Amino acid sequence: MAFTPLHDRVLVRRIEGEDKTKGGLIIPDSAKEKPAEGEIVSAGPGARKDSGELIAPSVKAGDRILFGKWSGTEVKLDGEDLLIMKESDILGIIS
């Protein structure tokens, strides 16, 4: 993919959730919420302090993350639906 985010932004691929509940009920597509879990595809070089010093991002490509429900901007790159969001919209890294 020929896309690199700028500054402290990251490119995220959503990871789809389960189609069944723990009890075995099948969830129809119309009732599913968009997943708030994803994988970092690429990350920008980081933010800059007022002094011009670069602050490296805390995430890297391949990290699994949780993010807010309304975080990011949806884009379509190479036929794939992805999200571009600021690093500050990321709630945490799943290890």
N, C-alpha and C. Protein backbone atom coordinates (compact mmCIF):
# COMPACT_ATOMS: atom_id res chain seq x y z
N MET A 1 0.84 -1.16 0.00
CA MET A 1 0.00 0.00 0.00
C MET A 1 0.90 1.24 0.00
N ALA A 2 0.58 2.19 -0.82
CA ALA A 2 1.40 3.39 -0.97
C ALA A 2 0.80 4.56 -0.19
N PHE A 3 0.56 4.37 1.10
CA PHE A 3 0.00 5.43 1.93
C PHE A 3 0.73 5.46 3.27
N THR A 4 1.20 6.63 3.66
CA THR A 4 1.85 6.80 4.95
C THR A 4 1.17 7.97 5.67
N PRO A 5 0.63 7.75 6.87
CA PRO A 5 0.01 8.84 7.62
C PRO A 5 1.04 9.89 8.03
N LEU A 6 0.59 11.11 8.21
CA LEU A 6 1.46 12.20 8.64
C LEU A 6 1.34 12.41 10.14
N HIS A 7 2.35 13.01 10.72
CA HIS A 7 2.39 13.44 12.12
C HIS A 7 2.06 12.29 13.06
N ASP A 8 1.07 12.48 13.95
CA ASP A 8 0.75 11.45 14.95
C ASP A 8 -0.51 10.67 14.56
N ARG A 9 -0.74 10.52 13.28
CA ARG A 9 -1.90 9.76 12.82
C ARG A 9 -1.49 8.32 12.50
N VAL A 10 -2.49 7.42 12.57
CA VAL A 10 -2.27 6.00 12.27
C VAL A 10 -3.35 5.51 11.32
N LEU A 11 -3.01 4.51 10.53
CA LEU A 11 -3.94 3.87 9.61
C LEU A 11 -4.33 2.54 10.24
N VAL A 12 -5.64 2.31 10.40
CA VAL A 12 -6.14 1.15 11.16
C VAL A 12 -7.09 0.32 10.30
N ARG A 13 -6.94 -0.99 10.39
CA ARG A 13 -7.86 -1.95 9.76
C ARG A 13 -8.73 -2.51 10.88
N ARG A 14 -10.05 -2.37 10.74
CA ARG A 14 -10.96 -2.92 11.76
C ARG A 14 -10.86 -4.44 11.78
N ILE A 15 -10.97 -5.01 12.97
CA ILE A 15 -11.02 -6.47 13.13
C ILE A 15 -12.46 -6.82 13.47
N GLU A 16 -13.08 -7.60 12.61
CA GLU A 16 -14.49 -7.95 12.79
C GLU A 16 -14.69 -8.84 14.01
N GLY A 17 -15.80 -8.60 14.72
CA GLY A 17 -16.12 -9.38 15.92
C GLY A 17 -16.77 -10.71 15.57
N GLU A 18 -17.16 -11.40 16.60
CA GLU A 18 -17.78 -12.71 16.44
C GLU A 18 -19.19 -12.58 15.87
N ASP A 19 -19.65 -13.63 15.15
CA ASP A 19 -21.01 -13.67 14.62
C ASP A 19 -21.98 -14.30 15.60
N LYS A 20 -21.45 -14.86 16.71
CA LYS A 20 -22.29 -15.51 17.70
C LYS A 20 -21.98 -14.94 19.08
N THR A 21 -22.98 -14.99 19.95
CA THR A 21 -22.76 -14.61 21.35
C THR A 21 -22.15 -15.80 22.07
N LYS A 22 -21.74 -15.59 23.31
CA LYS A 22 -21.18 -16.70 24.09
C LYS A 22 -22.20 -17.80 24.31
N GLY A 23 -23.49 -17.43 24.31
CA GLY A 23 -24.55 -18.41 24.49
C GLY A 23 -24.92 -19.16 23.22
N GLY A 24 -24.33 -18.77 22.08
CA GLY A 24 -24.57 -19.48 20.84
C GLY A 24 -25.58 -18.81 19.91
N LEU A 25 -26.12 -17.65 20.30
CA LEU A 25 -27.07 -16.95 19.43
C LEU A 25 -26.33 -16.28 18.29
N ILE A 26 -26.89 -16.37 17.09
CA ILE A 26 -26.29 -15.75 15.92
C ILE A 26 -26.76 -14.31 15.83
N ILE A 27 -25.81 -13.39 15.65
CA ILE A 27 -26.12 -11.96 15.57
C ILE A 27 -26.25 -11.58 14.10
N PRO A 28 -27.43 -11.05 13.68
CA PRO A 28 -27.58 -10.64 12.28
C PRO A 28 -26.75 -9.38 11.98
N ASP A 29 -26.39 -9.20 10.70
CA ASP A 29 -25.58 -8.05 10.31
C ASP A 29 -26.23 -6.72 10.68
N SER A 30 -27.55 -6.65 10.61
CA SER A 30 -28.24 -5.39 10.91
C SER A 30 -28.15 -5.00 12.39
N ALA A 31 -27.88 -5.95 13.27
CA ALA A 31 -27.81 -5.67 14.70
C ALA A 31 -26.38 -5.49 15.20
N LYS A 32 -25.40 -5.73 14.33
CA LYS A 32 -24.00 -5.63 14.75
C LYS A 32 -23.56 -4.17 14.82
N GLU A 33 -22.73 -3.88 15.80
CA GLU A 33 -22.09 -2.57 15.87
C GLU A 33 -20.74 -2.67 15.20
N LYS A 34 -20.23 -1.52 14.74
CA LYS A 34 -18.90 -1.52 14.15
C LYS A 34 -17.91 -1.88 15.25
N PRO A 35 -16.95 -2.73 14.94
CA PRO A 35 -15.99 -3.14 15.98
C PRO A 35 -15.10 -1.98 16.40
N ALA A 36 -14.73 -1.97 17.67
CA ALA A 36 -13.85 -0.94 18.22
C ALA A 36 -12.46 -1.53 18.44
N GLU A 37 -12.15 -2.56 17.70
CA GLU A 37 -10.85 -3.21 17.78
C GLU A 37 -10.25 -3.21 16.38
N GLY A 38 -8.94 -3.00 16.31
CA GLY A 38 -8.32 -2.96 15.00
C GLY A 38 -6.84 -3.29 15.05
N GLU A 39 -6.24 -3.28 13.88
CA GLU A 39 -4.82 -3.55 13.73
C GLU A 39 -4.18 -2.36 13.02
N ILE A 40 -3.05 -1.90 13.54
CA ILE A 40 -2.33 -0.78 12.94
C ILE A 40 -1.71 -1.26 11.63
N VAL A 41 -2.04 -0.58 10.53
CA VAL A 41 -1.46 -0.88 9.23
C VAL A 41 -0.16 -0.09 9.07
N SER A 42 -0.21 1.19 9.41
CA SER A 42 0.99 2.03 9.39
C SER A 42 0.79 3.22 10.32
N ALA A 43 1.89 3.78 10.75
CA ALA A 43 1.87 4.92 11.68
C ALA A 43 2.77 6.02 11.15
N GLY A 44 2.39 7.26 11.45
CA GLY A 44 3.20 8.40 11.05
C GLY A 44 4.45 8.51 11.91
N PRO A 45 5.32 9.47 11.60
CA PRO A 45 6.58 9.61 12.33
C PRO A 45 6.41 10.12 13.76
N GLY A 46 5.28 10.75 14.09
CA GLY A 46 5.04 11.23 15.43
C GLY A 46 4.73 12.72 15.46
N ALA A 47 4.33 13.18 16.62
CA ALA A 47 4.00 14.60 16.81
C ALA A 47 5.27 15.39 17.11
N ARG A 48 5.15 16.69 17.07
CA ARG A 48 6.29 17.56 17.39
C ARG A 48 5.95 18.44 18.58
N LYS A 49 6.94 18.61 19.46
CA LYS A 49 6.80 19.54 20.58
C LYS A 49 6.93 20.96 20.04
N ASP A 50 6.65 21.94 20.89
CA ASP A 50 6.80 23.34 20.49
C ASP A 50 8.24 23.65 20.12
N SER A 51 9.18 22.95 20.72
CA SER A 51 10.60 23.16 20.43
C SER A 51 11.02 22.52 19.10
N GLY A 52 10.13 21.73 18.48
CA GLY A 52 10.45 21.07 17.23
C GLY A 52 10.92 19.65 17.39
N GLU A 53 11.11 19.21 18.63
CA GLU A 53 11.57 17.84 18.89
C GLU A 53 10.46 16.84 18.56
N LEU A 54 10.83 15.74 17.93
CA LEU A 54 9.88 14.71 17.51
C LEU A 54 9.54 13.79 18.68
N ILE A 55 8.24 13.54 18.87
CA ILE A 55 7.77 12.59 19.88
C ILE A 55 7.35 11.33 19.13
N ALA A 56 8.09 10.25 19.29
CA ALA A 56 7.81 9.01 18.56
C ALA A 56 6.47 8.41 18.99
N PRO A 57 5.74 7.79 18.06
CA PRO A 57 4.45 7.17 18.43
C PRO A 57 4.65 5.95 19.33
N SER A 58 3.63 5.66 20.14
CA SER A 58 3.68 4.52 21.06
C SER A 58 3.25 3.22 20.39
N VAL A 59 2.68 3.31 19.19
CA VAL A 59 2.21 2.13 18.48
C VAL A 59 3.02 1.93 17.20
N LYS A 60 2.97 0.71 16.69
CA LYS A 60 3.69 0.40 15.45
C LYS A 60 2.81 -0.51 14.60
N ALA A 61 3.17 -0.69 13.35
CA ALA A 61 2.42 -1.56 12.45
C ALA A 61 2.34 -2.97 13.03
N GLY A 62 1.14 -3.55 12.99
CA GLY A 62 0.94 -4.90 13.50
C GLY A 62 0.32 -4.94 14.90
N ASP A 63 0.34 -3.82 15.64
CA ASP A 63 -0.25 -3.78 16.98
C ASP A 63 -1.77 -3.90 16.89
N ARG A 64 -2.36 -4.66 17.82
CA ARG A 64 -3.83 -4.73 17.95
C ARG A 64 -4.23 -3.70 18.98
N ILE A 65 -5.23 -2.89 18.65
CA ILE A 65 -5.62 -1.78 19.51
C ILE A 65 -7.12 -1.74 19.76
N LEU A 66 -7.51 -1.00 20.78
CA LEU A 66 -8.91 -0.64 21.04
C LEU A 66 -9.01 0.86 20.83
N PHE A 67 -10.11 1.29 20.23
CA PHE A 67 -10.31 2.72 20.00
C PHE A 67 -11.75 3.07 20.27
N GLY A 68 -12.03 4.37 20.40
CA GLY A 68 -13.37 4.86 20.70
C GLY A 68 -14.35 4.57 19.57
N LYS A 69 -15.63 4.50 19.92
CA LYS A 69 -16.68 4.15 18.98
C LYS A 69 -16.75 5.09 17.78
N TRP A 70 -16.56 6.38 18.01
CA TRP A 70 -16.67 7.37 16.93
C TRP A 70 -15.32 7.91 16.50
N SER A 71 -14.26 7.20 16.76
CA SER A 71 -12.90 7.66 16.45
C SER A 71 -12.58 7.50 14.97
N GLY A 72 -11.78 8.40 14.46
CA GLY A 72 -11.21 8.27 13.13
C GLY A 72 -12.11 8.69 11.99
N THR A 73 -11.50 8.70 10.82
CA THR A 73 -12.17 9.03 9.57
C THR A 73 -12.08 7.81 8.66
N GLU A 74 -13.22 7.37 8.15
CA GLU A 74 -13.25 6.20 7.29
C GLU A 74 -12.76 6.58 5.90
N VAL A 75 -11.86 5.77 5.35
CA VAL A 75 -11.35 5.96 4.00
C VAL A 75 -11.33 4.62 3.28
N LYS A 76 -11.31 4.67 1.97
CA LYS A 76 -11.22 3.44 1.18
C LYS A 76 -9.91 3.52 0.38
N LEU A 77 -8.98 2.61 0.66
CA LEU A 77 -7.69 2.55 -0.02
C LEU A 77 -7.51 1.16 -0.62
N ASP A 78 -7.21 1.10 -1.88
CA ASP A 78 -7.02 -0.18 -2.59
C ASP A 78 -8.22 -1.10 -2.41
N GLY A 79 -9.43 -0.53 -2.37
CA GLY A 79 -10.65 -1.31 -2.23
C GLY A 79 -10.92 -1.82 -0.83
N GLU A 80 -10.17 -1.37 0.15
CA GLU A 80 -10.33 -1.83 1.53
C GLU A 80 -10.77 -0.66 2.41
N ASP A 81 -11.75 -0.89 3.28
CA ASP A 81 -12.21 0.14 4.20
C ASP A 81 -11.27 0.22 5.40
N LEU A 82 -10.68 1.39 5.62
CA LEU A 82 -9.72 1.61 6.70
C LEU A 82 -10.10 2.87 7.46
N LEU A 83 -9.44 3.09 8.59
CA LEU A 83 -9.64 4.29 9.40
C LEU A 83 -8.33 5.04 9.54
N ILE A 84 -8.40 6.36 9.50
CA ILE A 84 -7.27 7.20 9.85
C ILE A 84 -7.65 7.93 11.13
N MET A 85 -6.81 7.80 12.15
CA MET A 85 -7.12 8.46 13.43
C MET A 85 -5.85 8.98 14.07
N LYS A 86 -6.03 9.90 15.00
CA LYS A 86 -4.90 10.40 15.78
C LYS A 86 -4.52 9.34 16.81
N GLU A 87 -3.27 9.33 17.18
CA GLU A 87 -2.80 8.37 18.17
C GLU A 87 -3.53 8.57 19.50
N SER A 88 -3.94 9.78 19.80
CA SER A 88 -4.63 10.06 21.06
C SER A 88 -6.03 9.44 21.11
N ASP A 89 -6.59 9.03 19.96
CA ASP A 89 -7.89 8.36 19.93
C ASP A 89 -7.81 6.89 20.32
N ILE A 90 -6.59 6.36 20.38
CA ILE A 90 -6.38 4.96 20.73
C ILE A 90 -6.49 4.81 22.24
N LEU A 91 -7.33 3.86 22.69
CA LEU A 91 -7.54 3.65 24.12
C LEU A 91 -6.50 2.74 24.73
N GLY A 92 -5.99 1.78 23.95
CA GLY A 92 -4.97 0.88 24.48
C GLY A 92 -4.53 -0.14 23.47
N ILE A 93 -3.44 -0.82 23.79
CA ILE A 93 -2.87 -1.88 22.94
C ILE A 93 -3.22 -3.22 23.57
N ILE A 94 -3.70 -4.14 22.73
CA ILE A 94 -4.03 -5.50 23.22
C ILE A 94 -2.81 -6.37 23.03
N SER A 95 -2.33 -6.98 24.13
CA SER A 95 -1.12 -7.80 24.02
C SER A 95 -1.46 -9.27 23.92
